[in-house]
Amino acid sequence: MTVDFVWNKRFQAGTGQYEFSLNIENILQEDYEAYQERGGDRVDVDTYEQGTIFSIGLKRMF
């Protein structure tokens, strides 16, 4: 399970309408792990360290 923060804010500037966005994903820096178990044996299918991702955006609506 990951903890994310997402914030979007619409605003008017001049004659246009805009939306600002801020996203922070995987705040607690949880690693990804996928595995299969059968008969008491475990096989890792996919595992990797997943860092925190930051993104910002600005969108104009027409």
Protein backbone atom coordinates (compact mmCIF):
# COMPACT_ATOMS: atom_id res chain seq x y z
CA MET A 1 0.00 0.00 0.00
CA THR A 2 1.27 3.47 -0.82
CA VAL A 3 0.38 6.89 0.53
CA ASP A 4 -0.13 9.63 -2.08
CA PHE A 5 -1.01 13.32 -1.92
CA VAL A 6 -2.97 14.90 -4.80
CA TRP A 7 -4.05 18.56 -4.92
CA ASN A 8 -5.77 20.37 -7.79
CA LYS A 9 -6.85 24.02 -7.79
CA ARG A 10 -8.82 25.76 -10.54
CA PHE A 11 -8.43 29.51 -10.93
CA GLN A 12 -9.23 32.36 -13.30
CA ALA A 13 -6.45 34.52 -14.76
CA GLY A 14 -7.28 37.13 -17.36
CA THR A 15 -9.72 35.58 -19.81
CA GLY A 16 -8.61 31.98 -19.24
CA GLN A 17 -9.46 29.31 -16.73
CA TYR A 18 -6.53 27.26 -15.41
CA GLU A 19 -5.89 24.31 -13.14
CA PHE A 20 -2.76 23.86 -11.04
CA SER A 21 -1.90 20.37 -9.80
CA LEU A 22 0.56 19.01 -7.26
CA ASN A 23 1.12 15.25 -6.86
CA ILE A 24 3.37 13.39 -4.44
CA GLU A 25 3.31 9.62 -4.86
CA ASN A 26 4.65 6.93 -2.50
CA ILE A 27 5.34 9.33 0.36
CA LEU A 28 6.46 6.51 2.69
CA GLN A 29 8.77 5.04 0.00
CA GLU A 30 7.29 1.54 0.14
CA ASP A 31 9.06 -1.03 -2.04
CA TYR A 32 7.13 -3.02 -4.66
CA GLU A 33 6.96 -6.77 -4.23
CA ALA A 34 5.02 -9.37 -6.23
CA TYR A 35 5.38 -13.08 -5.48
CA GLN A 36 3.71 -16.46 -5.82
CA GLU A 37 3.42 -19.14 -3.15
CA ARG A 38 2.75 -22.83 -3.58
CA GLY A 39 3.23 -25.65 -1.14
CA GLY A 40 5.12 -23.49 1.34
CA ASP A 41 7.59 -22.24 -1.30
CA ARG A 42 7.76 -18.62 -2.30
CA VAL A 43 8.99 -17.29 -5.65
CA ASP A 44 9.58 -13.57 -6.10
CA VAL A 45 8.11 -12.56 -9.44
CA ASP A 46 8.92 -8.86 -9.38
CA THR A 47 10.56 -6.74 -6.66
CA TYR A 48 12.11 -3.29 -6.78
CA GLU A 49 12.67 -0.16 -4.73
CA GLN A 50 10.24 2.54 -5.67
CA GLY A 51 11.13 6.09 -4.71
CA THR A 52 8.91 9.09 -4.10
CA ILE A 53 7.62 10.84 -7.23
CA PHE A 54 6.89 14.58 -7.28
CA SER A 55 5.01 16.27 -10.13
CA ILE A 56 3.43 19.64 -10.76
CA GLY A 57 1.22 20.72 -13.65
CA LEU A 58 -0.56 23.68 -15.13
CA LYS A 59 -3.49 23.15 -17.46
CA ARG A 60 -5.53 25.73 -19.40
CA MET A 61 -9.16 25.03 -20.25
CA PHE A 62 -10.58 26.29 -23.56
